[in-house]
């Protein structure tokens, strides 16, 4: 029986000890081992699994150290008494017959239904596509694993205080705030105090906190269109009064309804998703608009660290001397989006309230990650990574630009070095159909209609990212896409 439980197909990308221990722990906790029956000997199990006897011995000893097994001299290894199957099954779960008639009607209980909001769908298996022109997924090979591990070792080493194990309640790691103030924000032209900074679980979380605190059903929010759709979805949880503003080559276009807005949500550095950089004239007009009409600006500087332009404009917040700009950005978008680490910069009064809201929502982002990122920044590793990242991004950008000019000259795009290409195809092209056809040829692109809000949702736009795809696959991918593009175009003309 035990031998049957321990049939393992070892994965090549994981350690043998790790995998064997995992199977043994799972089997012990599931009560699969018989009381007073010894586990296979080190020699027998090593021969059965075709692994080193020393590997088995080390795993057995580690499980003894952790109280899962006991070792009996000249007898072998046995499960510890507290993991006896009879002991584990003393309080078996009670089987309940499902009473459908008296089950709650969840549809009637929902006060909102976020699942019905339009969103940008990206397949979870995107990495299996041959040509994933997907935005928002980095090249994992660029991640500085050794430096990141060093940061982990340093903050957990005996020579350092283990502050990261503590509950910070409503505070943030002071070392991370220091690094933001001295090494991150000044590059965007922003000077701030610790009391003006709040660490968040990424920009999406920042938007959620701000809208919970400042929005109600009567709040009117002006947004760019096309727009980062998940920001709008966040706002819709609080208000349905969203006013779209068209975007041209200089950024957001203010209009007569702009005066009715309480807030503006903008992406001045590179407009999401078009990549347009808001001109200085438009920035001044927006700031003056906020003063004249008592409005607040939410600045999402999502590509603050990924900007590959030679001389990027300072943040809008850098020109705000009235405290009307709430600045949000990310520390993890380029490095590893899965870290979910961002921040808000705003007046102390607002940050205090946001901190209290965060406390009763989830207290604070994991302190371990905050301290690890602080060390990573303090040693210059983050800046070194960003330098290589920008060089690599500029190279990929040039490859994609060259391929687009060569194979898809029918498509127009903004002449700016953004972290993705927003393309306008001929009006007769339906990019949802194009994306569907492309996916069946192992090419991923993002159709653009869902980025528009309001009644005008053109079907001829699409977005191409260049970080998820291997550089050598960019040109052949666009060449292959151009054939599908021309087929769709020719069929539309018939």
Protein backbone atom coordinates (compact mmCIF):
# COMPACT_ATOMS: atom_id res chain seq x y z
CA UNK A 1 0.00 0.00 0.00
CA UNK A 2 2.72 2.44 1.00
CA UNK A 3 4.71 1.68 -2.14
CA UNK A 4 1.60 2.44 -4.20
CA UNK A 5 1.20 5.79 -2.43
CA UNK A 6 4.72 6.81 -3.30
CA UNK A 7 4.72 6.57 -7.06
CA UNK A 8 6.16 9.91 -8.15
CA UNK A 9 6.73 11.45 -11.56
CA UNK A 10 9.51 13.91 -10.80
CA UNK A 11 9.45 17.30 -12.53
CA UNK A 12 12.78 18.34 -13.99
CA UNK A 13 12.50 21.96 -12.89
CA UNK A 14 12.16 21.17 -9.16
CA UNK A 15 14.47 19.59 -6.59
CA UNK A 16 14.07 15.89 -5.82
CA UNK A 17 14.09 16.45 -2.06
CA UNK A 18 11.40 19.11 -2.36
CA UNK A 19 9.14 16.88 -4.44
CA UNK A 20 9.61 13.77 -2.32
CA UNK A 21 8.93 15.70 0.89
CA UNK A 22 5.79 17.21 -0.65
CA UNK A 23 4.40 13.77 -1.55
CA UNK A 24 5.23 12.34 1.88
CA UNK A 25 3.67 15.26 3.78
CA UNK A 26 0.55 15.09 1.61
CA UNK A 27 0.24 11.35 2.23
CA UNK A 28 0.78 11.74 6.00
CA UNK A 29 -1.81 14.50 6.36
CA UNK A 30 -4.29 12.51 4.24
CA UNK A 31 -3.92 9.53 6.60
CA UNK A 32 -2.67 7.17 3.89
CA UNK A 33 -0.05 5.45 6.06
CA UNK A 34 -0.94 2.59 8.40
CA UNK A 35 -0.19 2.87 12.10
CA UNK A 36 2.81 0.83 13.23
CA UNK A 37 3.75 -0.06 9.66
CA UNK A 38 7.17 1.23 8.73
CA UNK A 39 7.74 3.33 5.67
CA UNK A 40 9.97 1.84 2.97
CA UNK A 41 13.64 1.82 3.92
CA UNK A 42 15.91 4.44 2.41
CA UNK A 43 17.41 1.82 0.13
CA UNK A 44 14.07 0.35 -0.95
CA UNK A 45 12.49 3.73 -1.68
CA UNK A 46 15.56 5.01 -3.52
CA UNK A 47 15.53 1.93 -5.76
CA UNK A 48 11.78 2.19 -6.31
CA UNK A 49 11.93 5.88 -7.26
CA UNK A 50 15.34 5.65 -8.95
CA UNK A 51 16.84 8.44 -6.87
CA UNK A 52 19.79 8.68 -4.51
CA UNK A 53 19.56 6.86 -1.17
CA UNK A 54 21.02 9.97 0.44
CA UNK A 55 18.12 12.04 -0.94
CA UNK A 56 15.57 9.77 0.74
CA UNK A 57 17.55 9.75 3.98
CA UNK A 58 17.70 13.56 4.12
CA UNK A 59 13.95 13.85 3.54
CA UNK A 60 13.13 11.26 6.20
CA UNK A 61 15.38 13.00 8.72
CA UNK A 62 13.87 16.40 7.98
CA UNK A 63 10.36 14.97 8.54
CA UNK A 64 11.54 13.54 11.85
CA UNK A 65 12.89 16.96 12.85
CA UNK A 66 9.53 18.53 12.02
CA UNK A 67 7.49 15.94 13.94
CA UNK A 68 5.86 14.10 11.04
CA UNK A 69 7.83 10.87 11.46
CA UNK A 70 9.60 9.05 14.27
CA UNK A 71 12.66 6.86 13.89
CA UNK A 72 12.88 3.55 15.74
CA UNK A 73 16.39 2.06 16.00
CA UNK A 74 16.89 -1.01 13.81
CA UNK A 75 13.23 -0.84 12.83
CA UNK A 76 12.74 2.11 10.47
CA UNK A 77 10.61 5.23 10.09
CA UNK A 78 6.99 5.46 11.24
CA UNK A 79 4.33 8.13 11.22
CA UNK A 80 4.19 10.20 14.42
CA UNK A 81 1.27 9.38 16.77
CA UNK A 82 -0.51 12.68 16.09
CA UNK A 83 -0.73 11.74 12.41
CA UNK A 84 -2.19 8.29 13.04
CA UNK A 85 -5.05 7.79 10.52
CA UNK A 86 -7.42 6.80 13.35
CA UNK A 87 -6.53 9.98 15.23
CA UNK A 88 -6.94 12.15 12.16
CA UNK A 89 -10.39 10.69 11.40
CA UNK A 90 -11.84 11.03 14.90
CA UNK A 91 -13.90 14.02 13.82
CA UNK A 92 -14.97 13.15 10.32
CA UNK A 93 -16.87 15.89 8.49
CA UNK A 94 -20.63 15.59 8.56
CA UNK A 95 -22.18 14.97 5.16
CA UNK A 96 -24.96 17.42 4.43
CA UNK A 97 -27.73 16.90 1.92
CA UNK A 98 -27.95 19.97 -0.27
CA UNK A 99 -31.20 21.84 0.28
CA UNK A 100 -31.57 23.75 -2.98
CA UNK A 101 -35.05 25.01 -2.16
CA UNK A 102 -33.78 27.04 0.82
CA UNK A 103 -30.45 28.14 -0.64
CA UNK A 104 -29.91 31.91 -0.87
CA UNK A 105 -30.69 33.66 -4.12
CA UNK A 106 -27.37 35.40 -4.62
CA UNK A 107 -28.53 37.40 -7.62
CA UNK A 108 -31.00 39.21 -5.36
CA UNK A 109 -28.37 39.81 -2.68
CA UNK A 110 -25.71 41.37 -4.92
CA UNK A 111 -25.57 45.14 -4.51
CA UNK A 112 -23.32 45.31 -7.55
CA UNK A 113 -22.26 42.91 -10.28
CA UNK A 114 -18.63 43.52 -11.33
CA UNK A 115 -18.65 40.38 -13.46
CA UNK A 116 -20.96 42.20 -15.88
CA UNK A 117 -18.51 45.05 -16.48
CA UNK A 118 -16.66 44.93 -19.80
CA UNK A 119 -13.00 44.02 -19.46
CA UNK A 120 -9.95 43.11 -21.50
CA UNK A 121 -9.73 39.34 -21.63
CA UNK A 122 -6.26 37.82 -21.81
CA UNK A 123 -5.86 34.04 -22.02
CA UNK A 124 -4.17 32.47 -18.99
CA UNK A 125 -2.19 30.20 -21.31
CA UNK A 126 -0.71 33.13 -23.26
CA UNK A 127 2.84 31.75 -22.85
CA UNK A 128 1.92 28.77 -25.04
CA UNK A 129 1.25 31.04 -28.02
CA UNK A 130 4.09 31.31 -30.51
CA UNK A 131 3.65 35.06 -31.00
CA UNK A 132 2.15 36.64 -27.84
CA UNK A 133 2.01 40.39 -28.60
CA UNK A 134 0.53 40.79 -25.14
CA UNK A 135 0.80 43.89 -22.98
CA UNK A 136 1.51 43.72 -19.25
CA UNK A 137 3.52 40.49 -19.05
CA UNK A 138 7.31 40.92 -18.70
CA UNK A 139 10.09 38.73 -19.99
CA UNK A 140 10.83 36.59 -16.94
CA UNK A 141 14.37 36.03 -18.17
CA UNK A 142 15.17 39.68 -17.39
CA UNK A 143 14.28 39.34 -13.70
CA UNK A 144 17.44 39.78 -11.55
CA UNK A 145 16.89 36.61 -9.55
CA UNK A 146 20.27 36.51 -7.78
CA UNK A 147 20.01 40.13 -6.60
CA UNK A 148 16.44 39.57 -5.43
CA UNK A 149 17.52 36.46 -3.51
CA UNK A 150 20.36 38.42 -1.97
CA UNK A 151 17.87 41.00 -0.74
CA UNK A 152 15.82 38.18 0.82
CA UNK A 153 18.89 36.70 2.51
CA UNK A 154 19.98 40.06 3.91
CA UNK A 155 16.67 40.97 5.52
CA UNK A 156 16.26 37.51 7.06
CA UNK A 157 19.88 37.17 8.19
CA UNK A 158 20.81 37.10 11.88
CA UNK A 159 22.70 40.37 11.63
CA UNK A 160 19.53 42.33 10.87
CA UNK A 161 16.54 43.12 13.04
CA UNK A 162 13.57 41.02 11.99
CA UNK A 163 11.17 43.95 11.70
CA UNK A 164 9.48 42.31 8.74
CA UNK A 165 7.83 39.68 10.96
CA UNK A 166 5.86 42.35 12.82
CA UNK A 167 2.38 43.66 12.07
CA UNK A 168 2.91 47.28 11.04
CA UNK A 169 -0.79 47.99 11.79
CA UNK A 170 -1.31 51.07 9.59
CA UNK A 171 2.30 52.04 8.91
CA UNK A 172 4.74 51.24 6.09
CA UNK A 173 8.37 50.18 6.17
CA UNK A 174 10.29 53.38 6.91
CA UNK A 175 13.22 52.15 4.80
CA UNK A 176 10.98 51.82 1.73
CA UNK A 177 9.53 55.30 2.21
CA UNK A 178 13.08 56.65 2.43
CA UNK A 179 14.06 54.99 -0.83
CA UNK A 180 10.96 56.34 -2.57
CA UNK A 181 11.64 59.87 -1.36
CA UNK A 182 15.32 59.93 -2.26
CA UNK A 183 15.74 57.61 -5.26
CA UNK A 184 12.40 57.13 -7.03
CA UNK A 185 10.16 60.20 -6.80
CA UNK A 186 12.85 62.83 -7.59
CA UNK A 187 13.29 61.25 -11.02
CA UNK A 188 9.67 62.22 -11.71
CA UNK A 189 10.20 65.73 -10.31
CA UNK A 190 8.30 65.00 -7.09
CA UNK A 191 9.43 66.00 -3.61
CA UNK A 192 7.44 64.42 -0.78
CA UNK A 193 7.60 63.64 2.93
CA UNK A 194 6.94 60.25 4.53
CA UNK A 195 3.55 61.52 5.69
CA UNK A 196 2.58 62.16 2.05
CA UNK A 197 3.22 58.59 0.82
CA UNK A 198 1.13 55.42 1.20
CA UNK A 199 2.26 51.96 0.00
CA UNK A 200 -0.43 50.00 -1.86
CA UNK A 201 -0.97 46.64 -3.51
CA UNK A 202 -0.35 48.13 -6.93
CA UNK A 203 -2.05 50.99 -8.77
CA UNK A 204 -5.36 49.15 -9.05
CA UNK A 205 -5.53 49.01 -5.26
CA UNK A 206 -4.62 52.71 -5.09
CA UNK A 207 -7.54 53.56 -7.38
CA UNK A 208 -9.86 51.44 -5.26
CA UNK A 209 -8.82 53.11 -1.99
CA UNK A 210 -9.13 56.61 -3.43
CA UNK A 211 -12.55 55.98 -4.98
CA UNK A 212 -13.87 54.36 -1.77
CA UNK A 213 -12.84 57.40 0.22
CA UNK A 214 -13.76 60.21 -2.17
CA UNK A 215 -16.54 58.99 -4.48
CA UNK A 216 -20.25 58.53 -3.98
CA UNK A 217 -23.19 58.07 -6.34
CA UNK A 218 -23.24 61.78 -7.16
CA UNK A 219 -19.54 61.98 -8.07
CA UNK A 220 -18.73 62.78 -11.69
CA UNK A 221 -15.44 61.51 -13.10
CA UNK A 222 -13.87 62.68 -16.35
CA UNK A 223 -11.75 60.04 -18.07
CA UNK A 224 -9.82 59.69 -21.28
CA UNK A 225 -11.32 57.61 -24.07
CA UNK A 226 -9.87 55.18 -24.99
CA UNK A 227 -9.00 54.45 -21.38
CA UNK A 228 -7.51 51.91 -18.98
CA UNK A 229 -10.75 50.02 -18.53
CA UNK A 230 -10.10 48.54 -15.09
CA UNK A 231 -9.82 52.05 -13.65
CA UNK A 232 -13.28 52.85 -14.97
CA UNK A 233 -14.61 49.55 -13.61
CA UNK A 234 -13.24 50.51 -10.19
CA UNK A 235 -15.00 53.87 -10.36
CA UNK A 236 -18.26 52.21 -11.41
CA UNK A 237 -18.42 50.42 -8.09
CA UNK A 238 -19.07 53.86 -6.58
CA UNK A 239 -20.60 55.98 -9.34
CA UNK A 240 -22.05 55.61 -12.82
CA UNK A 241 -21.39 59.23 -13.73
CA UNK A 242 -18.39 58.77 -16.02
CA UNK A 243 -17.74 61.40 -18.72
CA UNK A 244 -15.44 60.28 -21.55
CA UNK A 245 -13.04 62.77 -23.15
CA UNK A 246 -11.51 62.20 -26.54
CA UNK A 247 -7.73 61.97 -26.93
CA UNK A 248 -5.63 63.34 -29.77
CA UNK A 249 -1.88 63.59 -30.38
CA UNK A 250 -1.55 66.02 -27.45
CA UNK A 251 -3.60 64.05 -24.95
CA UNK A 252 -6.99 64.65 -23.32
CA UNK A 253 -9.28 67.22 -24.95
CA UNK A 254 -11.20 69.31 -22.44
CA UNK A 255 -14.72 70.32 -23.45
CA UNK A 256 -17.85 71.97 -22.08
CA UNK A 257 -18.92 68.98 -19.88
CA UNK A 258 -15.43 69.02 -18.29
CA UNK A 259 -16.59 71.77 -15.94
CA UNK A 260 -19.16 69.38 -14.44
CA UNK A 261 -16.53 66.84 -13.35
CA UNK A 262 -15.47 66.43 -9.73
CA UNK A 263 -12.43 64.33 -10.64
CA UNK A 264 -10.28 63.61 -13.68
CA UNK A 265 -8.47 60.33 -14.18
CA UNK A 266 -5.54 60.75 -16.59
CA UNK A 267 -2.34 59.00 -17.71
CA UNK A 268 -0.18 61.97 -18.81
CA UNK A 269 3.19 60.24 -19.26
CA UNK A 270 1.92 57.85 -21.92
CA UNK A 271 -1.81 57.73 -22.30
CA UNK A 272 -3.20 54.24 -21.74
CA UNK A 273 -3.66 52.71 -24.23
CA UNK A 274 -2.72 55.08 -27.09
CA UNK A 275 0.81 55.87 -25.86
CA UNK A 276 0.38 59.62 -26.50
CA UNK A 277 2.31 61.89 -24.13
CA UNK A 278 0.22 64.80 -22.86
CA UNK A 279 1.64 68.09 -24.13
CA UNK A 280 2.76 70.85 -21.79
CA UNK A 281 -0.09 73.07 -22.99
CA UNK A 282 -2.70 70.40 -22.16
CA UNK A 283 -1.10 69.80 -18.75
CA UNK A 284 -1.31 73.49 -17.89
CA UNK A 285 -4.89 73.64 -19.11
CA UNK A 286 -5.88 70.63 -17.00
CA UNK A 287 -4.23 71.99 -13.87
CA UNK A 288 -5.91 75.37 -14.38
CA UNK A 289 -9.23 73.64 -15.02
CA UNK A 290 -8.89 71.86 -11.66
CA UNK A 291 -8.25 75.15 -9.88
CA UNK A 292 -11.05 77.05 -11.62
CA UNK A 293 -13.69 74.37 -10.98
CA UNK A 294 -12.48 72.94 -7.64
CA UNK A 295 -11.58 69.56 -9.16
CA UNK A 296 -9.13 66.79 -8.23
CA UNK A 297 -6.84 65.02 -10.70
CA UNK A 298 -5.95 61.34 -10.33
CA UNK A 299 -2.59 60.87 -12.11
CA UNK A 300 -1.79 57.26 -13.00
CA UNK A 301 1.92 57.26 -13.83
CA UNK A 302 1.87 53.57 -14.70
CA UNK A 303 5.04 53.60 -16.81
CA UNK A 304 7.12 55.90 -14.59
CA UNK A 305 9.91 53.31 -14.38
CA UNK A 306 9.45 51.75 -17.82
CA UNK A 307 9.57 54.95 -19.87
CA UNK A 308 12.11 54.46 -22.68
CA UNK A 309 12.10 58.03 -23.98
CA UNK A 310 15.40 59.91 -23.77
CA UNK A 311 13.92 62.90 -21.95
CA UNK A 312 10.53 62.03 -20.48
CA UNK A 313 8.41 64.87 -19.16
CA UNK A 314 8.15 65.20 -15.37
CA UNK A 315 5.02 63.93 -13.71
CA UNK A 316 1.95 66.19 -13.66
CA UNK A 317 2.28 66.11 -9.88
CA UNK A 318 5.64 67.89 -10.21
CA UNK A 319 3.77 71.04 -11.37
CA UNK A 320 1.03 70.83 -8.75
CA UNK A 321 1.49 73.57 -6.15
CA UNK A 322 -2.11 73.43 -4.95
CA UNK A 323 -2.30 69.80 -3.81
CA UNK A 324 -4.93 68.97 -6.43
CA UNK A 325 -3.09 66.00 -7.97
CA UNK A 326 -3.22 62.54 -6.39
CA UNK A 327 -0.24 60.68 -7.82
CA UNK A 328 -0.22 56.88 -8.21
CA UNK A 329 2.51 54.62 -9.55
CA UNK A 330 4.04 51.17 -9.30
CA UNK A 331 7.31 49.65 -8.10
CA UNK A 332 6.61 46.26 -9.62
CA UNK A 333 5.24 46.80 -13.12
CA UNK A 334 8.63 46.42 -14.81
CA UNK A 335 10.32 44.20 -12.24
CA UNK A 336 7.57 41.66 -11.56
CA UNK A 337 3.87 42.60 -11.77
CA UNK A 338 3.06 39.68 -9.48
CA UNK A 339 4.67 41.55 -6.56
CA UNK A 340 1.73 44.00 -6.54
CA UNK A 341 3.61 46.89 -4.98
CA UNK A 342 2.63 50.50 -5.66
CA UNK A 343 2.18 53.81 -3.87
CA UNK A 344 0.17 57.01 -3.60
CA UNK A 345 1.58 60.51 -3.14
CA UNK A 346 -0.83 63.17 -1.92
CA UNK A 347 -1.42 65.69 0.86
CA UNK A 348 -0.87 64.48 4.42
CA UNK A 349 -4.55 64.96 5.31
CA UNK A 350 -5.65 62.68 2.48
CA UNK A 351 -2.92 60.09 3.14
CA UNK A 352 -3.97 59.91 6.81
CA UNK A 353 -7.53 59.00 5.83
CA UNK A 354 -6.37 56.57 3.14
CA UNK A 355 -4.09 54.93 5.72
CA UNK A 356 -7.05 54.45 8.07
CA UNK A 357 -9.14 53.02 5.23
CA UNK A 358 -6.32 50.68 4.25
CA UNK A 359 -5.98 49.55 7.89
CA UNK A 360 -9.58 48.36 8.12
CA UNK A 361 -9.40 46.85 4.63
CA UNK A 362 -6.15 44.81 4.78
CA UNK A 363 -3.90 46.74 7.23
CA UNK A 364 -0.82 47.07 4.97
CA UNK A 365 1.00 45.35 2.08
CA UNK A 366 3.23 42.47 3.26
CA UNK A 367 6.03 43.99 5.33
CA UNK A 368 8.46 41.32 4.13
CA UNK A 369 8.10 42.50 0.52
CA UNK A 370 8.40 46.13 1.59
CA UNK A 371 11.70 45.53 3.39
CA UNK A 372 13.01 43.36 0.58
CA UNK A 373 12.20 46.03 -2.00
CA UNK A 374 13.77 48.71 0.21
CA UNK A 375 17.05 46.78 0.35
CA UNK A 376 16.85 46.08 -3.40
CA UNK A 377 16.51 49.81 -4.02
CA UNK A 378 19.19 50.83 -1.52
CA UNK A 379 21.85 48.68 -3.18
CA UNK A 380 21.14 50.16 -6.60
CA UNK A 381 19.90 46.83 -7.94
CA UNK A 382 16.55 48.26 -9.02
CA UNK A 383 18.16 51.10 -10.97
CA UNK A 384 20.57 48.64 -12.63
CA UNK A 385 17.64 46.44 -13.59
CA UNK A 386 15.71 49.39 -14.98
CA UNK A 387 18.69 50.45 -17.10
CA UNK A 388 18.91 47.01 -18.69
CA UNK A 389 15.11 46.85 -18.95
CA UNK A 390 14.91 50.15 -20.82
CA UNK A 391 17.73 49.14 -23.18
CA UNK A 392 15.98 45.85 -23.89
CA UNK A 393 12.62 47.62 -24.29
CA UNK A 394 14.07 50.15 -26.73
CA UNK A 395 15.52 47.29 -28.77
CA UNK A 396 12.18 45.45 -28.85
CA UNK A 397 10.35 48.69 -29.66
CA UNK A 398 12.60 49.28 -32.66
CA UNK A 399 12.11 45.70 -33.86
CA UNK A 400 8.34 46.00 -33.67
CA UNK A 401 8.28 49.43 -35.25
CA UNK A 402 10.41 48.22 -38.15
CA UNK A 403 8.21 45.17 -38.66
CA UNK A 404 5.02 47.24 -38.57
CA UNK A 405 6.36 49.76 -41.09
CA UNK A 406 7.43 46.91 -43.34
CA UNK A 407 4.47 44.54 -43.14
CA UNK A 408 1.49 46.60 -41.88
CA UNK A 409 1.91 50.03 -43.48
CA UNK A 410 -1.88 50.40 -43.60
CA UNK A 411 -1.94 50.87 -39.81
CA UNK A 412 -1.25 54.21 -38.07
CA UNK A 413 0.25 54.68 -34.64
CA UNK A 414 1.46 57.52 -32.41
CA UNK A 415 5.07 58.56 -32.92
CA UNK A 416 6.05 58.07 -29.27
CA UNK A 417 8.14 55.49 -27.44
CA UNK A 418 5.46 53.90 -25.29
CA UNK A 419 5.55 50.42 -23.83
CA UNK A 420 3.07 49.16 -26.44
CA UNK A 421 1.82 50.09 -29.91
CA UNK A 422 -1.75 51.32 -30.29
CA UNK A 423 -2.67 50.86 -33.94
CA UNK A 424 -5.48 52.21 -36.05
CA UNK A 425 -6.35 49.92 -38.95
CA UNK A 426 -8.50 50.90 -41.94
CA UNK A 427 -12.10 51.44 -40.84
CA UNK A 428 -13.36 48.33 -42.62
CA UNK A 429 -11.16 46.11 -40.47
CA UNK A 430 -12.90 44.49 -37.49
CA UNK A 431 -10.03 43.84 -35.08
CA UNK A 432 -12.12 41.46 -32.97
CA UNK A 433 -12.34 39.22 -36.01
CA UNK A 434 -8.66 39.84 -36.70
CA UNK A 435 -7.75 38.83 -33.12
CA UNK A 436 -9.85 35.68 -33.40
CA UNK A 437 -8.21 34.68 -36.68
CA UNK A 438 -4.76 35.53 -35.31
CA UNK A 439 -5.28 33.43 -32.15
CA UNK A 440 -6.01 30.41 -34.31
CA UNK A 441 -2.58 30.95 -35.83
CA UNK A 442 -0.84 31.20 -32.42
CA UNK A 443 -0.73 35.03 -32.49
CA UNK A 444 -2.09 37.09 -29.62
CA UNK A 445 -3.20 40.69 -30.18
CA UNK A 446 -5.61 42.87 -28.20
CA UNK A 447 -8.63 44.31 -30.04
CA UNK A 448 -9.30 47.89 -29.01
CA UNK A 449 -13.07 48.41 -28.94
CA UNK A 450 -13.40 47.66 -25.21
CA UNK A 451 -10.99 50.49 -24.36
CA UNK A 452 -13.59 53.03 -25.52
CA UNK A 453 -16.50 54.07 -23.31
CA UNK A 454 -19.68 55.77 -24.34
CA UNK A 455 -21.59 55.21 -27.54
CA UNK A 456 -18.63 55.46 -29.90
CA UNK A 457 -16.65 52.20 -29.82
CA UNK A 458 -14.76 51.87 -33.11
CA UNK A 459 -13.70 48.36 -34.12
CA UNK A 460 -10.58 49.28 -36.07
CA UNK A 461 -8.07 49.68 -33.21
CA UNK A 462 -5.78 47.11 -31.62
CA UNK A 463 -2.79 47.00 -29.29
CA UNK A 464 0.52 45.14 -29.56
CA UNK A 465 2.88 44.65 -26.64
CA UNK A 466 6.48 43.55 -27.06
CA UNK A 467 7.71 42.27 -23.69
CA UNK A 468 5.96 38.90 -23.55
CA UNK A 469 7.26 37.82 -26.97
CA UNK A 470 10.83 36.78 -27.71
CA UNK A 471 12.68 39.48 -29.72
CA UNK A 472 13.53 37.05 -32.51
CA UNK A 473 9.82 36.22 -32.90
CA UNK A 474 8.65 39.81 -33.37
CA UNK A 475 9.30 40.22 -37.11
CA UNK A 476 8.09 36.74 -38.19
CA UNK A 477 5.04 37.24 -35.96
CA UNK A 478 4.12 40.54 -37.64
CA UNK A 479 4.82 39.05 -41.06
CA UNK A 480 2.40 36.22 -40.28
CA UNK A 481 -0.13 38.67 -38.84
CA UNK A 482 0.04 40.79 -42.00
CA UNK A 483 -1.13 37.84 -44.11
CA UNK A 484 -4.14 37.34 -41.84
CA UNK A 485 -4.72 41.10 -41.82
CA UNK A 486 -4.78 41.25 -45.63
CA UNK A 487 -7.13 38.26 -45.81
CA UNK A 488 -9.57 39.97 -43.44
CA UNK A 489 -9.24 43.24 -45.35
CA UNK A 490 -9.89 41.60 -48.72
CA UNK A 491 -12.91 39.73 -47.38
CA UNK A 492 -14.34 42.96 -45.95
CA UNK A 493 -14.06 44.64 -49.37
CA UNK A 494 -16.07 41.92 -51.11
